[in-house]
Amino acid sequence: MQTRTYGDLFKLIQSLAGVGSFAPSEADDVANLINRRFLQAFNESPVWPRYLVSSEERALALYELSGATTSTSTLVNQNYRFLGLAEPDSVSIGGTKVYSGFTTNDTLIYKNTSNAWVVATNVTNSISAAGIVTFGDGGTVQFTEADTVKNDSVEAVTTWTPRAGSNILKVLTQNLIPYAQSGFTSIGDFNRIHRKKAFFNQSAIEYEFFVDFSGANILNITSTTDNSAFVTYKKQFTPFSITVSNPVVVSDFTDSTVEVPAEFFAYIAHATYADFLRMDGQTDKAFAEENTATGALALELEKVDIISNNNTVNKRFSTYVNRQSR
């Protein structure tokens, strides 16, 4: 997609203002106003093509562990996803579920040969294409299920015995897609979540969800053995970051090669100039310039409508059974 430079944007605003160069203090103010208007344009649509990611596979967190306070707390306190089923060996009972950490994927939750759930760090393991987990070793066990009658699920465990100290392990059950995942772009806004790859050749089950501080919480998950879901989302907003001298030098802005989305260029220029006019007390001129900016952005929003994003990615096909992508 096309871009312009931040230097071109800044020079255009100076030209609109009819000044050869802003004073350093004014330049700093204008830079702040540019980011303000950039955010406004960014928020005008959930499906700007530049920031839209369609049906990307993301790990699904089924558990969140907390309460560990020893030196290994950062390895234990994290989200966990379903990894696969254990292969029968000297470490774990075959056919039982194994979960791995999001942040540290060699921290595992599994059933040992005594049928007790354990949380272990630094576990050597591998997983086959069929989803079978093979243990090289059992790692260092940090917590062990102490219930007399062993439980089938992790969340049913009442008492955990720590390897050291008196830590009380807490287990939160969830079906969560976090905002951030290692190796992926951070999610800004969730649009839609499907069980399988969506917007392809066939229908995919679409999930209802609610969003909180941690991410998107999926309702009525189809299978507890799913370890991922496919998320359509808008990328996180990142303001323009211009390296400036101390004290500020205007050429730091006018010479910048930071990329500016071409679709926002005219809006940001005219809207920032309108803000500059308000700073100068010229409210009538600012009102006219604001209209010019709004018109420029409206044209870009119309383009988004024309390419039908609002009829596919951002809208759901509803039936009396469920809502699916077709």
C-alpha atoms as a PDB file:
ATOM      1  CA  MET A   1       0.000   0.000   0.000  1.00  0.00           C
ATOM      2  CA  GLN A   2       1.119   3.524  -0.719  1.00  0.00           C
ATOM      3  CA  THR A   3       2.831   5.699   1.863  1.00  0.00           C
ATOM      4  CA  ARG A   4       4.178   9.236   2.087  1.00  0.00           C
ATOM      5  CA  THR A   5       6.888  10.525   4.385  1.00  0.00           C
ATOM      6  CA  TYR A   6       6.421  12.328   7.666  1.00  0.00           C
ATOM      7  CA  GLY A   7       8.697  15.065   6.307  1.00  0.00           C
ATOM      8  CA  ASP A   8       6.303  15.661   3.395  1.00  0.00           C
ATOM      9  CA  LEU A   9       3.366  15.794   5.822  1.00  0.00           C
ATOM     10  CA  PHE A  10       5.090  18.315   8.072  1.00  0.00           C
ATOM     11  CA  LYS A  11       6.128  20.506   5.135  1.00  0.00           C
ATOM     12  CA  LEU A  12       2.553  20.515   3.796  1.00  0.00           C
ATOM     13  CA  ILE A  13       1.226  21.672   7.168  1.00  0.00           C
ATOM     14  CA  GLN A  14       3.828  24.445   7.191  1.00  0.00           C
ATOM     15  CA  SER A  15       2.730  25.450   3.671  1.00  0.00           C
ATOM     16  CA  LEU A  16      -0.930  25.508   4.676  1.00  0.00           C
ATOM     17  CA  ALA A  17       0.008  27.704   7.624  1.00  0.00           C
ATOM     18  CA  GLY A  18       1.916  30.026   5.288  1.00  0.00           C
ATOM     19  CA  VAL A  19       5.129  29.922   7.267  1.00  0.00           C
ATOM     20  CA  GLY A  20       8.609  29.109   6.047  1.00  0.00           C
ATOM     21  CA  SER A  21       9.270  27.140   9.195  1.00  0.00           C
ATOM     22  CA  PHE A  22       7.571  26.625  12.530  1.00  0.00           C
ATOM     23  CA  ALA A  23       9.311  27.780  15.673  1.00  0.00           C
ATOM     24  CA  PRO A  24      10.783  24.830  17.635  1.00  0.00           C
ATOM     25  CA  SER A  25       8.082  25.062  20.307  1.00  0.00           C
ATOM     26  CA  GLU A  26       5.369  25.176  17.631  1.00  0.00           C
ATOM     27  CA  ALA A  27       6.920  22.233  15.795  1.00  0.00           C
ATOM     28  CA  ASP A  28       6.720  20.110  18.917  1.00  0.00           C
ATOM     29  CA  ASP A  29       3.049  21.067  19.391  1.00  0.00           C
ATOM     30  CA  VAL A  30       2.269  20.268  15.749  1.00  0.00           C
ATOM     31  CA  ALA A  31       3.921  16.852  16.106  1.00  0.00           C
ATOM     32  CA  ASN A  32       1.622  16.074  19.049  1.00  0.00           C
ATOM     33  CA  LEU A  33      -1.413  17.234  17.051  1.00  0.00           C
ATOM     34  CA  ILE A  34      -0.383  15.007  14.120  1.00  0.00           C
ATOM     35  CA  ASN A  35      -0.442  11.936  16.374  1.00  0.00           C
ATOM     36  CA  ARG A  36      -3.814  13.013  17.778  1.00  0.00           C
ATOM     37  CA  ARG A  37      -5.307  13.216  14.288  1.00  0.00           C
ATOM     38  CA  PHE A  38      -3.584   9.997  13.225  1.00  0.00           C
ATOM     39  CA  LEU A  39      -5.355   8.198  16.083  1.00  0.00           C
ATOM     40  CA  GLN A  40      -8.690   9.737  15.098  1.00  0.00           C
ATOM     41  CA  ALA A  41      -8.341   8.503  11.524  1.00  0.00           C
ATOM     42  CA  PHE A  42      -7.215   5.069  12.726  1.00  0.00           C
ATOM     43  CA  ASN A  43     -10.323   4.744  14.921  1.00  0.00           C
ATOM     44  CA  GLU A  44     -12.781   5.686  12.164  1.00  0.00           C
ATOM     45  CA  SER A  45     -13.016   2.136  10.808  1.00  0.00           C
ATOM     46  CA  PRO A  46     -12.403  -1.364  12.213  1.00  0.00           C
ATOM     47  CA  VAL A  47     -11.466  -2.634   8.742  1.00  0.00           C
ATOM     48  CA  TRP A  48      -8.832  -0.300   7.329  1.00  0.00           C
ATOM     49  CA  PRO A  49      -7.094  -2.682   4.871  1.00  0.00           C
ATOM     50  CA  ARG A  50      -3.651  -1.630   6.102  1.00  0.00           C
ATOM     51  CA  TYR A  51      -4.406  -2.654   9.688  1.00  0.00           C
ATOM     52  CA  LEU A  52      -6.768  -5.591   9.123  1.00  0.00           C
ATOM     53  CA  VAL A  53      -5.558  -9.169   9.689  1.00  0.00           C
ATOM     54  CA  SER A  54      -7.976 -11.821   8.488  1.00  0.00           C
ATOM     55  CA  SER A  55      -8.452 -15.213  10.150  1.00  0.00           C
ATOM     56  CA  GLU A  56      -5.010 -15.589  11.727  1.00  0.00           C
ATOM     57  CA  GLU A  57      -4.456 -18.686  13.841  1.00  0.00           C
ATOM     58  CA  ARG A  58      -3.789 -17.763  17.466  1.00  0.00           C
ATOM     59  CA  ALA A  59      -3.067 -19.955  20.484  1.00  0.00           C
ATOM     60  CA  LEU A  60      -6.015 -20.544  22.811  1.00  0.00           C
ATOM     61  CA  ALA A  61      -5.267 -20.248  26.516  1.00  0.00           C
ATOM     62  CA  LEU A  62      -7.278 -22.760  28.568  1.00  0.00           C
ATOM     63  CA  TYR A  63      -5.689 -22.134  31.965  1.00  0.00           C
ATOM     64  CA  GLU A  64      -3.959 -19.312  33.793  1.00  0.00           C
ATOM     65  CA  LEU A  65      -1.696 -20.297  36.703  1.00  0.00           C
ATOM     66  CA  SER A  66      -0.689 -17.848  39.415  1.00  0.00           C
ATOM     67  CA  GLY A  67       0.498 -17.879  43.013  1.00  0.00           C
ATOM     68  CA  ALA A  68       4.046 -19.138  42.535  1.00  0.00           C
ATOM     69  CA  THR A  69       6.484 -16.812  44.310  1.00  0.00           C
ATOM     70  CA  THR A  70       9.760 -18.744  44.226  1.00  0.00           C
ATOM     71  CA  SER A  71      12.617 -18.166  41.803  1.00  0.00           C
ATOM     72  CA  THR A  72      10.651 -20.117  39.178  1.00  0.00           C
ATOM     73  CA  SER A  73       7.513 -17.969  39.477  1.00  0.00           C
ATOM     74  CA  THR A  74       7.995 -16.407  36.036  1.00  0.00           C
ATOM     75  CA  LEU A  75       8.111 -19.894  34.550  1.00  0.00           C
ATOM     76  CA  VAL A  76       4.957 -21.104  36.313  1.00  0.00           C
ATOM     77  CA  ASN A  77       2.743 -17.999  36.412  1.00  0.00           C
ATOM     78  CA  GLN A  78       1.441 -17.785  32.848  1.00  0.00           C
ATOM     79  CA  ASN A  79      -1.257 -18.912  30.424  1.00  0.00           C
ATOM     80  CA  TYR A  80      -1.375 -22.525  29.233  1.00  0.00           C
ATOM     81  CA  ARG A  81      -2.721 -24.103  26.049  1.00  0.00           C
ATOM     82  CA  PHE A  82      -3.596 -27.688  25.182  1.00  0.00           C
ATOM     83  CA  LEU A  83      -0.489 -29.301  23.674  1.00  0.00           C
ATOM     84  CA  GLY A  84      -1.562 -32.887  22.960  1.00  0.00           C
ATOM     85  CA  LEU A  85      -1.989 -36.339  24.473  1.00  0.00           C
ATOM     86  CA  ALA A  86       0.843 -38.024  26.330  1.00  0.00           C
ATOM     87  CA  GLU A  87       2.544 -41.090  24.928  1.00  0.00           C
ATOM     88  CA  PRO A  88       2.855 -43.951  27.461  1.00  0.00           C
ATOM     89  CA  ASP A  89       6.332 -43.780  29.013  1.00  0.00           C
ATOM     90  CA  SER A  90       8.149 -43.495  32.342  1.00  0.00           C
ATOM     91  CA  VAL A  91       7.044 -39.868  32.814  1.00  0.00           C
ATOM     92  CA  SER A  92       3.335 -39.665  32.098  1.00  0.00           C
ATOM     93  CA  ILE A  93       0.239 -41.826  31.696  1.00  0.00           C
ATOM     94  CA  GLY A  94      -0.526 -42.416  28.032  1.00  0.00           C
ATOM     95  CA  GLY A  95      -3.584 -40.744  26.558  1.00  0.00           C
ATOM     96  CA  THR A  96      -3.820 -38.011  29.220  1.00  0.00           C
ATOM     97  CA  LYS A  97      -3.862 -34.334  28.311  1.00  0.00           C
ATOM     98  CA  VAL A  98      -0.707 -32.230  28.318  1.00  0.00           C
ATOM     99  CA  TYR A  99      -0.682 -28.416  28.494  1.00  0.00           C
ATOM    100  CA  SER A 100       2.220 -26.075  27.692  1.00  0.00           C
ATOM    101  CA  GLY A 101       2.952 -22.518  28.769  1.00  0.00           C
ATOM    102  CA  PHE A 102       2.478 -19.569  26.419  1.00  0.00           C
ATOM    103  CA  THR A 103       5.569 -17.658  27.504  1.00  0.00           C
ATOM    104  CA  THR A 104       7.778 -20.624  28.395  1.00  0.00           C
ATOM    105  CA  ASN A 105       6.685 -23.553  26.284  1.00  0.00           C
ATOM    106  CA  ASP A 106       8.836 -26.110  28.118  1.00  0.00           C
ATOM    107  CA  THR A 107       6.779 -25.554  31.275  1.00  0.00           C
ATOM    108  CA  LEU A 108       4.139 -28.278  31.133  1.00  0.00           C
ATOM    109  CA  ILE A 109       1.124 -29.479  33.058  1.00  0.00           C
ATOM    110  CA  TYR A 110       0.731 -33.254  32.790  1.00  0.00           C
ATOM    111  CA  LYS A 111      -0.257 -36.381  34.726  1.00  0.00           C
ATOM    112  CA  ASN A 112       2.641 -38.344  36.179  1.00  0.00           C
ATOM    113  CA  THR A 113       2.716 -42.120  36.455  1.00  0.00           C
ATOM    114  CA  SER A 114       1.070 -41.869  39.889  1.00  0.00           C
ATOM    115  CA  ASN A 115      -1.973 -40.304  38.170  1.00  0.00           C
ATOM    116  CA  ALA A 116      -1.313 -36.925  39.802  1.00  0.00           C
ATOM    117  CA  TRP A 117      -1.282 -33.643  37.915  1.00  0.00           C
ATOM    118  CA  VAL A 118       2.071 -31.870  38.059  1.00  0.00           C
ATOM    119  CA  VAL A 119       3.419 -28.522  36.901  1.00  0.00           C
ATOM    120  CA  ALA A 120       7.005 -28.952  35.765  1.00  0.00           C
ATOM    121  CA  THR A 121       9.587 -26.583  34.286  1.00  0.00           C
ATOM    122  CA  ASN A 122      12.349 -27.285  31.754  1.00  0.00           C
ATOM    123  CA  VAL A 123      10.618 -30.369  30.381  1.00  0.00           C
ATOM    124  CA  THR A 124      12.229 -31.932  27.332  1.00  0.00           C
ATOM    125  CA  ASN A 125       9.461 -32.965  24.958  1.00  0.00           C
ATOM    126  CA  SER A 126       8.380 -33.215  21.357  1.00  0.00           C
ATOM    127  CA  ILE A 127       5.008 -33.400  19.654  1.00  0.00           C
ATOM    128  CA  SER A 128       4.086 -35.363  16.561  1.00  0.00           C
ATOM    129  CA  ALA A 129       1.844 -34.268  13.725  1.00  0.00           C
ATOM    130  CA  ALA A 130      -0.865 -36.453  15.244  1.00  0.00           C
ATOM    131  CA  GLY A 131      -0.679 -34.474  18.509  1.00  0.00           C
ATOM    132  CA  ILE A 132       1.163 -37.091  20.589  1.00  0.00           C
ATOM    133  CA  VAL A 133       3.544 -35.664  23.199  1.00  0.00           C
ATOM    134  CA  THR A 134       6.736 -37.619  23.818  1.00  0.00           C
ATOM    135  CA  PHE A 135       8.716 -36.805  26.970  1.00  0.00           C
ATOM    136  CA  GLY A 136      12.500 -36.785  26.993  1.00  0.00           C
ATOM    137  CA  ASP A 137      12.360 -36.192  30.735  1.00  0.00           C
ATOM    138  CA  GLY A 138       9.878 -34.965  33.322  1.00  0.00           C
ATOM    139  CA  GLY A 139      11.669 -31.685  33.995  1.00  0.00           C
ATOM    140  CA  THR A 140      11.721 -30.125  37.456  1.00  0.00           C
ATOM    141  CA  VAL A 141       8.358 -30.621  39.153  1.00  0.00           C
ATOM    142  CA  GLN A 142       7.268 -27.396  40.871  1.00  0.00           C
ATOM    143  CA  PHE A 143       3.754 -28.394  41.999  1.00  0.00           C
ATOM    144  CA  THR A 144       2.089 -31.780  42.477  1.00  0.00           C
ATOM    145  CA  GLU A 145      -1.574 -32.658  42.979  1.00  0.00           C
ATOM    146  CA  ALA A 146      -2.060 -33.722  46.624  1.00  0.00           C
ATOM    147  CA  ASP A 147      -5.742 -34.752  46.510  1.00  0.00           C
ATOM    148  CA  THR A 148      -6.342 -38.298  47.754  1.00  0.00           C
ATOM    149  CA  VAL A 149      -8.706 -39.045  44.875  1.00  0.00           C
ATOM    150  CA  LYS A 150      -6.957 -37.893  41.747  1.00  0.00           C
ATOM    151  CA  ASN A 151      -8.887 -35.665  39.381  1.00  0.00           C
ATOM    152  CA  ASP A 152      -9.492 -35.915  35.657  1.00  0.00           C
ATOM    153  CA  SER A 153      -9.135 -32.166  35.059  1.00  0.00           C
ATOM    154  CA  VAL A 154      -6.616 -29.581  36.217  1.00  0.00           C
ATOM    155  CA  GLU A 155      -9.263 -27.172  37.512  1.00  0.00           C
ATOM    156  CA  ALA A 156     -10.732 -29.867  39.804  1.00  0.00           C
ATOM    157  CA  VAL A 157      -7.535 -30.170  41.852  1.00  0.00           C
ATOM    158  CA  THR A 158      -8.087 -28.840  45.377  1.00  0.00           C
ATOM    159  CA  THR A 159      -4.584 -28.982  46.855  1.00  0.00           C
ATOM    160  CA  TRP A 160      -1.202 -28.517  45.201  1.00  0.00           C
ATOM    161  CA  THR A 161       2.026 -29.368  47.019  1.00  0.00           C
ATOM    162  CA  PRO A 162       4.879 -27.015  46.085  1.00  0.00           C
ATOM    163  CA  ARG A 163       8.407 -28.312  45.567  1.00  0.00           C
ATOM    164  CA  ALA A 164       9.676 -25.651  47.977  1.00  0.00           C
ATOM    165  CA  GLY A 165       8.147 -23.042  50.264  1.00  0.00           C
ATOM    166  CA  SER A 166       4.463 -22.605  50.945  1.00  0.00           C
ATOM    167  CA  ASN A 167       3.174 -21.257  47.649  1.00  0.00           C
ATOM    168  CA  ILE A 168      -0.525 -21.694  46.977  1.00  0.00           C
ATOM    169  CA  LEU A 169      -1.099 -22.392  43.300  1.00  0.00           C
ATOM    170  CA  LYS A 170      -4.205 -20.849  41.762  1.00  0.00           C
ATOM    171  CA  VAL A 171      -5.752 -22.239  38.576  1.00  0.00           C
ATOM    172  CA  LEU A 172      -8.127 -20.104  36.499  1.00  0.00           C
ATOM    173  CA  THR A 173     -10.145 -21.849  33.801  1.00  0.00           C
ATOM    174  CA  GLN A 174     -10.618 -19.819  30.641  1.00  0.00           C
ATOM    175  CA  ASN A 175     -10.935 -19.902  26.855  1.00  0.00           C
ATOM    176  CA  LEU A 176      -8.827 -16.855  26.093  1.00  0.00           C
ATOM    177  CA  ILE A 177      -7.112 -15.346  23.074  1.00  0.00           C
ATOM    178  CA  PRO A 178      -4.578 -12.886  24.574  1.00  0.00           C
ATOM    179  CA  TYR A 179      -3.810  -9.574  22.875  1.00  0.00           C
ATOM    180  CA  ALA A 180      -0.131 -10.487  22.584  1.00  0.00           C
ATOM    181  CA  GLN A 181       1.502 -13.716  21.476  1.00  0.00           C
ATOM    182  CA  SER A 182       5.189 -14.232  20.830  1.00  0.00           C
ATOM    183  CA  GLY A 183       6.010 -14.048  17.121  1.00  0.00           C
ATOM    184  CA  PHE A 184       2.768 -12.274  16.197  1.00  0.00           C
ATOM    185  CA  THR A 185       1.556  -8.706  15.804  1.00  0.00           C
ATOM    186  CA  SER A 186      -0.260  -7.476  18.915  1.00  0.00           C
ATOM    187  CA  ILE A 187      -4.039  -7.323  18.581  1.00  0.00           C
ATOM    188  CA  GLY A 188      -5.637  -3.912  18.949  1.00  0.00           C
ATOM    189  CA  ASP A 189      -9.323  -4.768  18.477  1.00  0.00           C
ATOM    190  CA  PHE A 190     -10.984  -8.141  18.028  1.00  0.00           C
ATOM    191  CA  ASN A 191     -13.460  -8.290  15.140  1.00  0.00           C
ATOM    192  CA  ARG A 192     -14.425 -11.944  14.753  1.00  0.00           C
ATOM    193  CA  ILE A 193     -13.228 -15.354  15.975  1.00  0.00           C
ATOM    194  CA  HIS A 194     -13.760 -18.654  14.140  1.00  0.00           C
ATOM    195  CA  ARG A 195     -12.930 -22.216  15.087  1.00  0.00           C
ATOM    196  CA  LYS A 196     -11.283 -22.967  11.723  1.00  0.00           C
ATOM    197  CA  LYS A 197      -9.843 -20.921   8.878  1.00  0.00           C
ATOM    198  CA  ALA A 198     -12.569 -18.478   7.842  1.00  0.00           C
ATOM    199  CA  PHE A 199     -13.378 -16.596   4.609  1.00  0.00           C
ATOM    200  CA  PHE A 200     -12.175 -19.572   2.632  1.00  0.00           C
ATOM    201  CA  ASN A 201     -14.088 -22.185   0.603  1.00  0.00           C
ATOM    202  CA  GLN A 202     -16.361 -23.474   3.329  1.00  0.00           C
ATOM    203  CA  SER A 203     -18.265 -22.359   6.394  1.00  0.00           C
ATOM    204  CA  ALA A 204     -16.525 -22.144   9.742  1.00  0.00           C
ATOM    205  CA  ILE A 205     -18.089 -22.111  13.186  1.00  0.00           C
ATOM    206  CA  GLU A 206     -17.980 -18.584  14.560  1.00  0.00           C
ATOM    207  CA  TYR A 207     -17.634 -17.958  18.279  1.00  0.00           C
ATOM    208  CA  GLU A 208     -19.335 -15.406  20.469  1.00  0.00           C
ATOM    209  CA  PHE A 209     -16.873 -13.679  22.787  1.00  0.00           C
ATOM    210  CA  PHE A 210     -16.404 -10.827  25.204  1.00  0.00           C
ATOM    211  CA  VAL A 211     -13.293  -8.721  25.628  1.00  0.00           C
ATOM    212  CA  ASP A 212     -11.578  -7.799  28.886  1.00  0.00           C
ATOM    213  CA  PHE A 213      -8.150  -6.570  29.961  1.00  0.00           C
ATOM    214  CA  SER A 214      -6.536  -9.924  29.148  1.00  0.00           C
ATOM    215  CA  GLY A 215      -8.004 -10.502  25.686  1.00  0.00           C
ATOM    216  CA  ALA A 216     -11.012 -12.160  24.034  1.00  0.00           C
ATOM    217  CA  ASN A 217     -12.885 -14.711  26.136  1.00  0.00           C
ATOM    218  CA  ILE A 218     -14.625 -17.257  23.897  1.00  0.00           C
ATOM    219  CA  LEU A 219     -18.078 -18.484  24.917  1.00  0.00           C
ATOM    220  CA  ASN A 220     -19.223 -22.090  24.431  1.00  0.00           C
ATOM    221  CA  ILE A 221     -15.972 -23.484  23.042  1.00  0.00           C
ATOM    222  CA  THR A 222     -16.610 -26.413  20.700  1.00  0.00           C
ATOM    223  CA  SER A 223     -13.882 -28.716  22.060  1.00  0.00           C
ATOM    224  CA  THR A 224     -11.574 -28.548  25.068  1.00  0.00           C
ATOM    225  CA  THR A 225      -8.872 -30.171  22.951  1.00  0.00           C
ATOM    226  CA  ASP A 226      -8.722 -27.192  20.586  1.00  0.00           C
ATOM    227  CA  ASN A 227      -5.450 -25.364  21.060  1.00  0.00           C
ATOM    228  CA  SER A 228      -6.080 -22.474  18.704  1.00  0.00           C
ATOM    229  CA  ALA A 229      -8.730 -20.315  17.081  1.00  0.00           C
ATOM    230  CA  PHE A 230      -8.706 -18.073  14.018  1.00  0.00           C
ATOM    231  CA  VAL A 231      -8.931 -14.375  14.789  1.00  0.00           C
ATOM    232  CA  THR A 232      -9.834 -11.489  12.504  1.00  0.00           C
ATOM    233  CA  TYR A 233      -8.564  -8.351  14.147  1.00  0.00           C
ATOM    234  CA  LYS A 234      -7.335  -4.801  13.784  1.00  0.00           C
ATOM    235  CA  LYS A 235      -3.697  -4.202  14.579  1.00  0.00           C
ATOM    236  CA  GLN A 236      -2.646  -2.146  17.573  1.00  0.00           C
ATOM    237  CA  PHE A 237      -2.247   1.591  17.011  1.00  0.00           C
ATOM    238  CA  THR A 238       1.337   2.826  16.913  1.00  0.00           C
ATOM    239  CA  PRO A 239       1.848   6.608  16.893  1.00  0.00           C
ATOM    240  CA  PHE A 240       4.512   8.257  14.777  1.00  0.00           C
ATOM    241  CA  SER A 241       7.834   8.260  16.598  1.00  0.00           C
ATOM    242  CA  ILE A 242      10.249  10.932  15.436  1.00  0.00           C
ATOM    243  CA  THR A 243      13.751  11.177  16.868  1.00  0.00           C
ATOM    244  CA  VAL A 244      14.345  14.825  17.739  1.00  0.00           C
ATOM    245  CA  SER A 245      17.307  16.782  19.007  1.00  0.00           C
ATOM    246  CA  ASN A 246      17.479  18.511  22.362  1.00  0.00           C
ATOM    247  CA  PRO A 247      16.671  21.348  21.999  1.00  0.00           C
ATOM    248  CA  VAL A 248      14.157  20.630  19.238  1.00  0.00           C
ATOM    249  CA  VAL A 249      15.280  21.290  15.673  1.00  0.00           C
ATOM    250  CA  VAL A 250      12.509  21.733  13.081  1.00  0.00           C
ATOM    251  CA  SER A 251      14.516  19.881  10.410  1.00  0.00           C
ATOM    252  CA  ASP A 252      14.172  16.726  12.549  1.00  0.00           C
ATOM    253  CA  PHE A 253      10.512  16.746  11.505  1.00  0.00           C
ATOM    254  CA  THR A 254      10.778  18.059   7.939  1.00  0.00           C
ATOM    255  CA  ASP A 255      13.543  15.595   7.011  1.00  0.00           C
ATOM    256  CA  SER A 256      11.930  12.545   8.629  1.00  0.00           C
ATOM    257  CA  THR A 257      11.404   9.503   6.398  1.00  0.00           C
ATOM    258  CA  VAL A 258       8.948   7.795   8.784  1.00  0.00           C
ATOM    259  CA  GLU A 259       6.133   6.349   6.673  1.00  0.00           C
ATOM    260  CA  VAL A 260       2.680   7.933   6.768  1.00  0.00           C
ATOM    261  CA  PRO A 261      -0.296   5.949   5.371  1.00  0.00           C
ATOM    262  CA  ALA A 262      -1.278   7.633   2.100  1.00  0.00           C
ATOM    263  CA  GLU A 263      -4.975   7.156   2.887  1.00  0.00           C
ATOM    264  CA  PHE A 264      -4.605   9.340   5.987  1.00  0.00           C
ATOM    265  CA  PHE A 265      -2.204  11.907   4.560  1.00  0.00           C
ATOM    266  CA  ALA A 266      -4.664  14.614   3.437  1.00  0.00           C
ATOM    267  CA  TYR A 267      -6.870  14.220   6.510  1.00  0.00           C
ATOM    268  CA  ILE A 268      -3.980  14.514   8.964  1.00  0.00           C
ATOM    269  CA  ALA A 269      -2.530  17.536   7.145  1.00  0.00           C
ATOM    270  CA  HIS A 270      -5.742  19.558   6.991  1.00  0.00           C
ATOM    271  CA  ALA A 271      -7.011  18.478  10.425  1.00  0.00           C
ATOM    272  CA  THR A 272      -3.687  19.346  12.072  1.00  0.00           C
ATOM    273  CA  TYR A 273      -3.705  22.706  10.318  1.00  0.00           C
ATOM    274  CA  ALA A 274      -7.240  23.267  11.682  1.00  0.00           C
ATOM    275  CA  ASP A 275      -5.911  22.559  15.184  1.00  0.00           C
ATOM    276  CA  PHE A 276      -3.056  24.996  14.562  1.00  0.00           C
ATOM    277  CA  LEU A 277      -5.560  27.683  13.555  1.00  0.00           C
ATOM    278  CA  ARG A 278      -7.499  27.114  16.775  1.00  0.00           C
ATOM    279  CA  MET A 279      -4.268  27.498  18.735  1.00  0.00           C
ATOM    280  CA  ASP A 280      -3.900  30.872  16.996  1.00  0.00           C
ATOM    281  CA  GLY A 281      -7.489  31.895  17.773  1.00  0.00           C
ATOM    282  CA  GLN A 282      -8.660  31.690  14.138  1.00  0.00           C
ATOM    283  CA  THR A 283     -11.727  29.583  14.838  1.00  0.00           C
ATOM    284  CA  ASP A 284     -13.678  30.471  11.657  1.00  0.00           C
ATOM    285  CA  LYS A 285     -10.805  29.423   9.395  1.00  0.00           C
ATOM    286  CA  ALA A 286     -10.321  26.344  11.547  1.00  0.00           C
ATOM    287  CA  PHE A 287     -13.945  25.320  11.000  1.00  0.00           C
ATOM    288  CA  ALA A 288     -13.550  25.528   7.200  1.00  0.00           C
ATOM    289  CA  GLU A 289     -10.300  23.561   7.306  1.00  0.00           C
ATOM    290  CA  GLU A 290     -11.925  20.919   9.502  1.00  0.00           C
ATOM    291  CA  ASN A 291     -14.572  20.419   6.816  1.00  0.00           C
ATOM    292  CA  THR A 292     -11.861  19.902   4.210  1.00  0.00           C
ATOM    293  CA  ALA A 293     -10.202  17.296   6.427  1.00  0.00           C
ATOM    294  CA  THR A 294     -13.489  15.496   7.103  1.00  0.00           C
ATOM    295  CA  GLY A 295     -14.211  15.349   3.376  1.00  0.00           C
ATOM    296  CA  ALA A 296     -10.812  13.799   2.658  1.00  0.00           C
ATOM    297  CA  LEU A 297     -11.328  11.102   5.266  1.00  0.00           C
ATOM    298  CA  ALA A 298     -14.879  10.426   4.078  1.00  0.00           C
ATOM    299  CA  LEU A 299     -13.540   9.628   0.608  1.00  0.00           C
ATOM    300  CA  GLU A 300     -11.160   7.061   2.064  1.00  0.00           C
ATOM    301  CA  LEU A 301     -13.919   5.506   4.173  1.00  0.00           C
ATOM    302  CA  GLU A 302     -16.063   5.222   1.053  1.00  0.00           C
ATOM    303  CA  LYS A 303     -13.292   3.226  -0.603  1.00  0.00           C
ATOM    304  CA  VAL A 304     -13.397   0.793   2.319  1.00  0.00           C
ATOM    305  CA  ASP A 305     -17.133   0.344   1.733  1.00  0.00           C
ATOM    306  CA  ILE A 306     -16.672  -0.158  -1.995  1.00  0.00           C
ATOM    307  CA  ILE A 307     -14.249  -3.045  -1.568  1.00  0.00           C
ATOM    308  CA  SER A 308     -16.962  -4.721   0.554  1.00  0.00           C
ATOM    309  CA  ASN A 309     -15.045  -5.145   3.794  1.00  0.00           C
ATOM    310  CA  ASN A 310     -18.158  -4.100   5.680  1.00  0.00           C
ATOM    311  CA  ASN A 311     -20.162  -6.879   3.996  1.00  0.00           C
ATOM    312  CA  THR A 312     -17.767  -9.762   4.656  1.00  0.00           C
ATOM    313  CA  VAL A 313     -15.023  -9.425   7.229  1.00  0.00           C
ATOM    314  CA  ASN A 314     -16.902  -7.078   9.523  1.00  0.00           C
ATOM    315  CA  LYS A 315     -20.376  -8.585   9.249  1.00  0.00           C
ATOM    316  CA  ARG A 316     -21.771 -12.005  10.119  1.00  0.00           C
ATOM    317  CA  PHE A 317     -24.078 -14.281   8.147  1.00  0.00           C
ATOM    318  CA  SER A 318     -26.844 -15.321  10.528  1.00  0.00           C
ATOM    319  CA  THR A 319     -29.043 -18.401  10.497  1.00  0.00           C
ATOM    320  CA  TYR A 320     -31.419 -19.786  13.076  1.00  0.00           C
ATOM    321  CA  VAL A 321     -28.734 -22.342  14.025  1.00  0.00           C
ATOM    322  CA  ASN A 322     -25.649 -20.191  14.396  1.00  0.00           C
ATOM    323  CA  ARG A 323     -23.607 -17.456  12.811  1.00  0.00           C
ATOM    324  CA  GLN A 324     -21.110 -18.541  10.208  1.00  0.00           C
ATOM    325  CA  SER A 325     -18.772 -17.127   7.610  1.00  0.00           C
ATOM    326  CA  ARG A 326     -19.718 -18.202   4.105  1.00  0.00           C
END
